[in-house]
Amino acid sequence: SWTSKALATEIGIPVDSLNRRIGFWTSKGVLTESVGPDADDHIFTIVDSMSDVNKNSIVNESCEAFQMNEDEGESSVASVEEQLKKEMTVYEKFIIGMLTNFGNMTLDKIHNTLKMFCAEPSYDKSLQQLQSFLSGLVSDEKLEMRDGLYLLKK
């Protein structure tokens, strides 16, 4: 058994997102949900046994749904990356401006400068998210990276 807060923390997603996603498994009878000591902290338990009549149909439906949703899972990862890229595009001109004015910069310096000077929209991305975005700009041949420094592509 897991509480919704503990499970959300363990897998690294917000509780409201967990509750939306776990609804599928509770609706199929794979998990049971009960109210925990905290009204907004539910307890989820894996169902160990079911009547033979329901067991086969629920397991089969769950397996089929899982197989169908497996492709969706891969595309949702891609859509998260696409969403991050769209969010970071706002900062692209700012990054290019920094490199134009200040010359070559390290990842840390770009990250700290964005945190310091971007007010609207505020810069709240992680170092890894910035690195991923900058790698995309290198792949798009907008930037180069040499010896740990990012510079404008000539």
Protein backbone atom coordinates (compact mmCIF):
# COMPACT_ATOMS: atom_id res chain seq x y z
CA SER A 1 0.00 0.00 0.00
CA TRP A 2 1.09 3.53 -0.77
CA THR A 3 -0.33 6.91 0.15
CA SER A 4 -0.86 9.23 -2.78
CA LYS A 5 1.66 11.74 -1.40
CA ALA A 6 4.35 9.08 -0.82
CA LEU A 7 3.81 7.50 -4.23
CA ALA A 8 3.87 10.88 -6.00
CA THR A 9 7.12 11.75 -4.22
CA GLU A 10 8.66 8.36 -5.04
CA ILE A 11 7.95 8.60 -8.78
CA GLY A 12 8.58 12.34 -8.97
CA ILE A 13 5.24 13.73 -10.15
CA PRO A 14 2.72 16.10 -8.55
CA VAL A 15 -0.07 14.47 -6.48
CA ASP A 16 -2.83 15.84 -8.74
CA SER A 17 -1.12 14.31 -11.79
CA LEU A 18 -0.79 10.98 -9.95
CA ASN A 19 -4.48 11.03 -9.02
CA ARG A 20 -5.48 11.58 -12.66
CA ARG A 21 -3.25 8.79 -13.93
CA ILE A 22 -3.96 6.24 -11.21
CA GLY A 23 -7.71 6.53 -11.83
CA PHE A 24 -7.28 4.20 -14.81
CA TRP A 25 -5.95 1.40 -12.60
CA THR A 26 -8.57 1.87 -9.92
CA SER A 27 -11.33 1.85 -12.54
CA LYS A 28 -10.01 -1.49 -13.86
CA GLY A 29 -9.91 -3.04 -10.41
CA VAL A 30 -6.13 -3.44 -10.28
CA LEU A 31 -5.86 -1.01 -7.35
CA THR A 32 -8.23 -0.11 -4.57
CA GLU A 33 -8.42 3.39 -3.18
CA SER A 34 -9.30 4.30 0.38
CA VAL A 35 -9.20 7.53 2.35
CA GLY A 36 -6.07 7.90 4.42
CA PRO A 37 -5.58 9.65 7.75
CA ASP A 38 -5.37 12.92 5.82
CA ALA A 39 -8.53 13.60 3.77
CA ASP A 40 -6.51 14.56 0.68
CA ASP A 41 -3.98 11.73 1.07
CA HIS A 42 -5.55 8.55 -0.34
CA ILE A 43 -4.18 5.03 0.15
CA PHE A 44 -3.75 2.82 -2.92
CA THR A 45 -3.46 -0.95 -2.56
CA ILE A 46 -2.84 -3.60 -5.22
CA VAL A 47 -5.74 -6.04 -5.41
CA ASP A 48 -4.39 -9.53 -4.57
CA SER A 49 -7.36 -11.66 -5.48
CA MET A 50 -10.66 -11.29 -7.28
CA SER A 51 -13.48 -13.60 -8.14
CA ASP A 52 -12.55 -15.81 -11.11
CA VAL A 53 -15.29 -14.24 -13.22
CA ASN A 54 -13.97 -10.71 -12.86
CA LYS A 55 -10.29 -11.61 -12.71
CA ASN A 56 -9.86 -12.69 -16.31
CA SER A 57 -11.86 -9.85 -17.81
CA ILE A 58 -10.18 -7.17 -15.73
CA VAL A 59 -6.67 -8.54 -16.26
CA ASN A 60 -7.24 -8.93 -20.00
CA GLU A 61 -8.72 -5.44 -20.33
CA SER A 62 -5.85 -4.01 -18.30
CA CYS A 63 -3.23 -5.78 -20.42
CA GLU A 64 -4.87 -4.61 -23.64
CA ALA A 65 -5.15 -1.06 -22.34
CA PHE A 66 -1.54 -1.15 -21.15
CA GLN A 67 -0.35 -2.31 -24.56
CA MET A 68 -2.37 0.41 -26.26
CA ASN A 69 -1.10 3.04 -23.81
CA GLU A 70 2.53 1.95 -24.11
CA ASP A 71 2.87 3.90 -27.36
CA GLU A 72 1.12 6.85 -25.75
CA GLY A 73 3.73 6.74 -22.96
CA GLU A 74 6.53 7.08 -25.47
CA SER A 75 4.75 9.92 -27.23
CA SER A 76 4.04 11.65 -23.91
CA VAL A 77 7.79 11.69 -23.20
CA ALA A 78 8.32 13.25 -26.62
CA SER A 79 5.53 15.75 -25.95
CA VAL A 80 7.13 16.72 -22.62
CA GLU A 81 10.40 17.37 -24.47
CA GLU A 82 8.51 19.37 -27.11
CA GLN A 83 6.73 21.36 -24.39
CA LEU A 84 10.06 22.14 -22.71
CA LYS A 85 11.50 23.24 -26.05
CA LYS A 86 8.53 25.59 -26.59
CA GLU A 87 8.91 27.01 -23.08
CA MET A 88 12.65 27.52 -23.57
CA THR A 89 12.24 29.17 -27.00
CA VAL A 90 11.28 32.35 -25.14
CA TYR A 91 14.83 32.47 -23.78
CA GLU A 92 16.58 31.66 -27.08
CA LYS A 93 16.94 35.30 -28.21
CA PHE A 94 18.12 36.27 -24.75
CA ILE A 95 20.79 33.53 -24.82
CA ILE A 96 21.93 34.58 -28.30
CA GLY A 97 22.07 38.20 -27.10
CA MET A 98 24.18 37.21 -24.08
CA LEU A 99 26.63 35.30 -26.27
CA THR A 100 26.79 38.24 -28.70
CA ASN A 101 27.54 40.74 -25.93
CA PHE A 102 29.57 38.66 -23.47
CA GLY A 103 31.24 36.18 -25.82
CA ASN A 104 31.69 32.52 -24.89
CA MET A 105 29.92 31.38 -21.72
CA THR A 106 29.75 28.23 -19.62
CA LEU A 107 26.48 26.45 -18.92
CA ASP A 108 26.54 27.66 -15.29
CA LYS A 109 27.09 31.27 -16.29
CA ILE A 110 24.25 31.17 -18.84
CA HIS A 111 21.98 29.54 -16.24
CA ASN A 112 22.82 32.07 -13.52
CA THR A 113 22.47 35.04 -15.89
CA LEU A 114 19.03 33.84 -17.00
CA LYS A 115 17.95 33.40 -13.36
CA MET A 116 19.24 36.86 -12.49
CA PHE A 117 17.90 38.91 -15.41
CA CYS A 118 14.79 37.18 -16.76
CA ALA A 119 11.80 38.65 -14.97
CA GLU A 120 8.95 38.20 -17.47
CA PRO A 121 8.58 35.31 -17.91
CA SER A 122 10.67 34.37 -14.90
CA TYR A 123 13.35 31.76 -15.51
CA ASP A 124 12.66 28.65 -13.40
CA LYS A 125 14.31 25.87 -15.40
CA SER A 126 16.87 23.43 -14.04
CA LEU A 127 20.48 23.24 -15.18
CA GLN A 128 19.69 19.93 -16.93
CA GLN A 129 16.73 21.47 -18.79
CA LEU A 130 18.93 24.34 -19.97
CA GLN A 131 21.66 21.93 -21.04
CA SER A 132 19.13 19.91 -23.03
CA PHE A 133 17.83 23.07 -24.73
CA LEU A 134 21.35 24.32 -25.52
CA SER A 135 22.22 20.89 -26.96
CA GLY A 136 19.22 21.33 -29.25
CA LEU A 137 20.53 24.72 -30.37
CA VAL A 138 23.91 23.11 -31.06
CA SER A 139 22.15 20.39 -33.09
CA ASP A 140 20.23 23.10 -34.98
CA GLU A 141 23.64 24.70 -35.68
CA LYS A 142 22.70 27.96 -33.97
CA LEU A 143 25.39 27.51 -31.30
CA GLU A 144 28.69 25.69 -30.92
CA MET A 145 30.17 24.12 -27.83
CA ARG A 146 33.92 23.99 -27.39
CA ASP A 147 35.83 23.14 -24.21
CA GLY A 148 32.71 23.53 -22.06
CA LEU A 149 31.92 26.95 -23.51
CA TYR A 150 28.90 27.85 -25.63
CA LEU A 151 29.46 30.29 -28.47
CA LEU A 152 27.56 31.57 -31.49
CA LYS A 153 27.88 29.50 -34.65
CA LYS A 154 29.90 31.41 -37.24
